[in-house]
Amino acid sequence: MTEPGPSGSRPGPRNAAKPPSGAEFAGAGLQLAFTLVAFMFLGIWLDKRLGSSPWFVLICVFVGAGAGFYSIYRRLMGSTKRDASAGRPR
């Protein structure tokens, strides 16, 4: 959780001494789900447009899953690097 800034109205930067909260990663599952659904609808649209059912749906779902997992991986590795640079144990 962030603490109020000097004016009391806007939150200041996160304290580096505090461990990261679960709220930092709460959106990761929603991001993965949104990516999968968006790629699925893209695949459905392509299949209807090109008449190649179900191939583009399958391809797009796997690409969406890969993109979603890669995004989560980048977020987790960024947090790990921030923690290491702040001197906190993992």
N, C-alpha and C. Protein backbone atom coordinates (compact mmCIF):
# COMPACT_ATOMS: atom_id res chain seq x y z
N MET A 1 0.85 -1.17 0.00
CA MET A 1 0.00 0.00 0.00
C MET A 1 0.90 1.23 0.00
N THR A 2 0.53 2.25 -0.73
CA THR A 2 1.32 3.47 -0.75
C THR A 2 0.85 4.42 0.34
N GLU A 3 1.77 5.25 0.76
CA GLU A 3 1.45 6.22 1.80
C GLU A 3 1.19 7.57 1.15
N PRO A 4 0.39 8.42 1.79
CA PRO A 4 0.11 9.72 1.20
C PRO A 4 1.38 10.54 1.02
N GLY A 5 1.39 11.32 -0.03
CA GLY A 5 2.52 12.19 -0.30
C GLY A 5 2.50 13.41 0.61
N PRO A 6 3.38 14.38 0.32
CA PRO A 6 3.48 15.55 1.18
C PRO A 6 2.17 16.33 1.28
N SER A 7 1.39 16.37 0.20
CA SER A 7 0.14 17.12 0.25
C SER A 7 -0.97 16.34 0.92
N GLY A 8 -0.78 15.04 1.10
CA GLY A 8 -1.78 14.22 1.74
C GLY A 8 -2.85 13.69 0.80
N SER A 9 -2.88 14.17 -0.44
CA SER A 9 -3.93 13.75 -1.34
C SER A 9 -3.47 12.71 -2.36
N ARG A 10 -2.25 12.79 -2.79
CA ARG A 10 -1.75 11.86 -3.79
C ARG A 10 -0.80 10.88 -3.14
N PRO A 11 -0.84 9.61 -3.54
CA PRO A 11 0.07 8.64 -2.94
C PRO A 11 1.50 8.87 -3.40
N GLY A 12 2.43 8.64 -2.50
CA GLY A 12 3.84 8.77 -2.81
C GLY A 12 4.38 7.46 -3.33
N PRO A 13 5.67 7.38 -3.60
CA PRO A 13 6.26 6.14 -4.09
C PRO A 13 6.23 5.06 -3.01
N ARG A 14 6.28 3.81 -3.46
CA ARG A 14 6.25 2.68 -2.54
C ARG A 14 7.54 2.65 -1.74
N ASN A 15 7.43 2.38 -0.45
CA ASN A 15 8.58 2.29 0.42
C ASN A 15 9.38 1.05 0.06
N ALA A 16 10.68 1.21 -0.24
CA ALA A 16 11.51 0.10 -0.69
C ALA A 16 11.75 -0.91 0.42
N ALA A 17 11.58 -0.54 1.68
CA ALA A 17 11.82 -1.46 2.78
C ALA A 17 10.66 -2.42 3.00
N LYS A 18 9.48 -2.09 2.49
CA LYS A 18 8.32 -2.97 2.66
C LYS A 18 8.34 -4.07 1.60
N PRO A 19 7.91 -5.28 1.97
CA PRO A 19 7.79 -6.32 0.95
C PRO A 19 6.63 -6.01 0.02
N PRO A 20 6.67 -6.48 -1.22
CA PRO A 20 5.58 -6.21 -2.15
C PRO A 20 4.30 -6.89 -1.68
N SER A 21 3.19 -6.23 -1.86
CA SER A 21 1.92 -6.81 -1.44
C SER A 21 1.31 -7.61 -2.58
N GLY A 22 0.32 -8.40 -2.27
CA GLY A 22 -0.35 -9.18 -3.29
C GLY A 22 -1.12 -8.33 -4.27
N ALA A 23 -1.42 -7.10 -3.88
CA ALA A 23 -2.16 -6.20 -4.76
C ALA A 23 -1.36 -5.85 -6.01
N GLU A 24 -0.03 -5.90 -5.91
CA GLU A 24 0.79 -5.60 -7.08
C GLU A 24 0.59 -6.62 -8.19
N PHE A 25 0.26 -7.85 -7.82
CA PHE A 25 0.13 -8.93 -8.79
C PHE A 25 -1.32 -9.38 -8.98
N ALA A 26 -2.26 -8.68 -8.38
CA ALA A 26 -3.66 -9.10 -8.45
C ALA A 26 -4.19 -9.03 -9.87
N GLY A 27 -3.72 -8.11 -10.66
CA GLY A 27 -4.21 -7.96 -12.03
C GLY A 27 -3.62 -8.94 -13.01
N ALA A 28 -2.66 -9.74 -12.59
CA ALA A 28 -2.00 -10.65 -13.53
C ALA A 28 -2.97 -11.70 -14.08
N GLY A 29 -3.81 -12.25 -13.25
CA GLY A 29 -4.79 -13.24 -13.71
C GLY A 29 -5.81 -12.63 -14.65
N LEU A 30 -6.26 -11.43 -14.32
CA LEU A 30 -7.21 -10.75 -15.21
C LEU A 30 -6.56 -10.40 -16.54
N GLN A 31 -5.31 -10.01 -16.51
CA GLN A 31 -4.60 -9.70 -17.74
C GLN A 31 -4.47 -10.95 -18.61
N LEU A 32 -4.16 -12.08 -18.01
CA LEU A 32 -4.06 -13.33 -18.75
C LEU A 32 -5.41 -13.71 -19.35
N ALA A 33 -6.47 -13.60 -18.56
CA ALA A 33 -7.81 -13.94 -19.06
C ALA A 33 -8.23 -13.01 -20.19
N PHE A 34 -7.98 -11.72 -20.04
CA PHE A 34 -8.34 -10.77 -21.10
C PHE A 34 -7.58 -11.06 -22.39
N THR A 35 -6.29 -11.38 -22.26
CA THR A 35 -5.49 -11.69 -23.44
C THR A 35 -6.02 -12.93 -24.14
N LEU A 36 -6.34 -13.96 -23.38
CA LEU A 36 -6.89 -15.18 -23.98
C LEU A 36 -8.21 -14.93 -24.69
N VAL A 37 -9.10 -14.19 -24.04
CA VAL A 37 -10.41 -13.91 -24.64
C VAL A 37 -10.27 -13.05 -25.88
N ALA A 38 -9.39 -12.06 -25.84
CA ALA A 38 -9.19 -11.18 -27.00
C ALA A 38 -8.65 -11.98 -28.19
N PHE A 39 -7.67 -12.84 -27.95
CA PHE A 39 -7.12 -13.64 -29.05
C PHE A 39 -8.13 -14.68 -29.53
N MET A 40 -8.96 -15.20 -28.62
CA MET A 40 -9.98 -16.15 -29.03
C MET A 40 -10.98 -15.48 -29.99
N PHE A 41 -11.43 -14.27 -29.63
CA PHE A 41 -12.36 -13.57 -30.52
C PHE A 41 -11.70 -13.20 -31.85
N LEU A 42 -10.42 -12.89 -31.82
CA LEU A 42 -9.70 -12.65 -33.07
C LEU A 42 -9.71 -13.91 -33.93
N GLY A 43 -9.47 -15.06 -33.32
CA GLY A 43 -9.49 -16.32 -34.05
C GLY A 43 -10.86 -16.65 -34.60
N ILE A 44 -11.91 -16.39 -33.83
CA ILE A 44 -13.28 -16.63 -34.31
C ILE A 44 -13.57 -15.73 -35.50
N TRP A 45 -13.17 -14.46 -35.41
CA TRP A 45 -13.41 -13.53 -36.51
C TRP A 45 -12.66 -13.97 -37.76
N LEU A 46 -11.40 -14.38 -37.60
CA LEU A 46 -10.63 -14.83 -38.75
C LEU A 46 -11.23 -16.09 -39.36
N ASP A 47 -11.69 -17.03 -38.52
CA ASP A 47 -12.31 -18.25 -39.04
C ASP A 47 -13.58 -17.95 -39.81
N LYS A 48 -14.40 -17.05 -39.32
CA LYS A 48 -15.63 -16.69 -40.05
C LYS A 48 -15.29 -16.00 -41.36
N ARG A 49 -14.28 -15.15 -41.31
CA ARG A 49 -13.90 -14.38 -42.49
C ARG A 49 -13.29 -15.26 -43.58
N LEU A 50 -12.46 -16.24 -43.16
CA LEU A 50 -11.73 -17.07 -44.12
C LEU A 50 -12.31 -18.47 -44.28
N GLY A 51 -13.28 -18.84 -43.45
CA GLY A 51 -13.91 -20.15 -43.55
C GLY A 51 -12.97 -21.30 -43.22
N SER A 52 -12.13 -21.11 -42.24
CA SER A 52 -11.13 -22.13 -41.91
C SER A 52 -11.32 -22.69 -40.50
N SER A 53 -12.56 -22.78 -40.05
CA SER A 53 -12.86 -23.20 -38.69
C SER A 53 -12.25 -24.56 -38.39
N PRO A 54 -11.69 -24.83 -37.30
CA PRO A 54 -11.39 -24.11 -36.07
C PRO A 54 -9.92 -23.70 -35.97
N TRP A 55 -9.20 -23.68 -37.07
CA TRP A 55 -7.75 -23.53 -37.02
C TRP A 55 -7.28 -22.20 -36.45
N PHE A 56 -7.86 -21.10 -36.86
CA PHE A 56 -7.40 -19.82 -36.34
C PHE A 56 -7.77 -19.63 -34.87
N VAL A 57 -8.87 -20.21 -34.45
CA VAL A 57 -9.22 -20.14 -33.01
C VAL A 57 -8.15 -20.86 -32.20
N LEU A 58 -7.78 -22.04 -32.63
CA LEU A 58 -6.76 -22.80 -31.90
C LEU A 58 -5.42 -22.08 -31.89
N ILE A 59 -5.01 -21.59 -33.03
CA ILE A 59 -3.73 -20.89 -33.12
C ILE A 59 -3.74 -19.63 -32.24
N CYS A 60 -4.81 -18.85 -32.35
CA CYS A 60 -4.88 -17.61 -31.60
C CYS A 60 -4.96 -17.84 -30.09
N VAL A 61 -5.62 -18.90 -29.65
CA VAL A 61 -5.69 -19.19 -28.22
C VAL A 61 -4.30 -19.54 -27.69
N PHE A 62 -3.54 -20.34 -28.44
CA PHE A 62 -2.19 -20.68 -28.00
C PHE A 62 -1.26 -19.46 -28.02
N VAL A 63 -1.38 -18.63 -29.03
CA VAL A 63 -0.58 -17.41 -29.09
C VAL A 63 -0.96 -16.47 -27.94
N GLY A 64 -2.25 -16.34 -27.67
CA GLY A 64 -2.70 -15.50 -26.56
C GLY A 64 -2.22 -16.02 -25.22
N ALA A 65 -2.25 -17.34 -25.03
CA ALA A 65 -1.75 -17.91 -23.78
C ALA A 65 -0.26 -17.65 -23.63
N GLY A 66 0.48 -17.82 -24.71
CA GLY A 66 1.92 -17.54 -24.66
C GLY A 66 2.20 -16.09 -24.35
N ALA A 67 1.46 -15.18 -24.98
CA ALA A 67 1.66 -13.75 -24.73
C ALA A 67 1.28 -13.39 -23.29
N GLY A 68 0.21 -13.96 -22.78
CA GLY A 68 -0.21 -13.69 -21.41
C GLY A 68 0.80 -14.20 -20.39
N PHE A 69 1.29 -15.41 -20.59
CA PHE A 69 2.28 -15.96 -19.67
C PHE A 69 3.59 -15.18 -19.74
N TYR A 70 3.97 -14.74 -20.94
CA TYR A 70 5.19 -13.95 -21.08
C TYR A 70 5.05 -12.61 -20.35
N SER A 71 3.88 -12.02 -20.42
CA SER A 71 3.64 -10.76 -19.73
C SER A 71 3.74 -10.94 -18.21
N ILE A 72 3.16 -12.02 -17.70
CA ILE A 72 3.25 -12.31 -16.27
C ILE A 72 4.70 -12.57 -15.88
N TYR A 73 5.44 -13.30 -16.69
CA TYR A 73 6.84 -13.58 -16.43
C TYR A 73 7.65 -12.29 -16.34
N ARG A 74 7.42 -11.37 -17.28
CA ARG A 74 8.14 -10.09 -17.26
C ARG A 74 7.82 -9.30 -16.00
N ARG A 75 6.55 -9.31 -15.59
CA ARG A 75 6.15 -8.58 -14.38
C ARG A 75 6.81 -9.18 -13.14
N LEU A 76 6.84 -10.50 -13.03
CA LEU A 76 7.45 -11.15 -11.88
C LEU A 76 8.96 -10.95 -11.86
N MET A 77 9.60 -11.04 -13.01
CA MET A 77 11.05 -10.84 -13.05
C MET A 77 11.41 -9.39 -12.77
N GLY A 78 10.59 -8.44 -13.19
CA GLY A 78 10.84 -7.04 -12.87
C GLY A 78 10.74 -6.80 -11.38
N SER A 79 9.79 -7.45 -10.74
CA SER A 79 9.65 -7.31 -9.29
C SER A 79 10.85 -7.93 -8.58
N THR A 80 11.32 -9.05 -9.07
CA THR A 80 12.48 -9.71 -8.47
C THR A 80 13.72 -8.83 -8.60
N LYS A 81 13.89 -8.21 -9.76
CA LYS A 81 15.05 -7.32 -9.95
C LYS A 81 14.96 -6.11 -9.04
N ARG A 82 13.75 -5.53 -8.90
CA ARG A 82 13.57 -4.39 -8.00
C ARG A 82 13.90 -4.80 -6.56
N ASP A 83 13.45 -5.99 -6.17
CA ASP A 83 13.72 -6.46 -4.80
C ASP A 83 15.21 -6.65 -4.59
N ALA A 84 15.90 -7.21 -5.58
CA ALA A 84 17.33 -7.44 -5.45
C ALA A 84 18.09 -6.13 -5.39
N SER A 85 17.68 -5.15 -6.17
CA SER A 85 18.38 -3.86 -6.15
C SER A 85 18.09 -3.09 -4.86
N ALA A 86 16.96 -3.38 -4.21
CA ALA A 86 16.62 -2.72 -2.94
C ALA A 86 17.28 -3.44 -1.76
N GLY A 87 17.91 -4.58 -2.02
CA GLY A 87 18.59 -5.31 -0.94
C GLY A 87 17.69 -6.21 -0.14
N ARG A 88 16.49 -6.48 -0.66
CA ARG A 88 15.57 -7.37 0.05
C ARG A 88 15.80 -8.80 -0.37
N PRO A 89 15.67 -9.74 0.55
CA PRO A 89 15.75 -11.15 0.16
C PRO A 89 14.49 -11.55 -0.60
N ARG A 90 14.61 -12.54 -1.45
CA ARG A 90 13.48 -13.01 -2.23
C ARG A 90 12.53 -13.75 -1.41
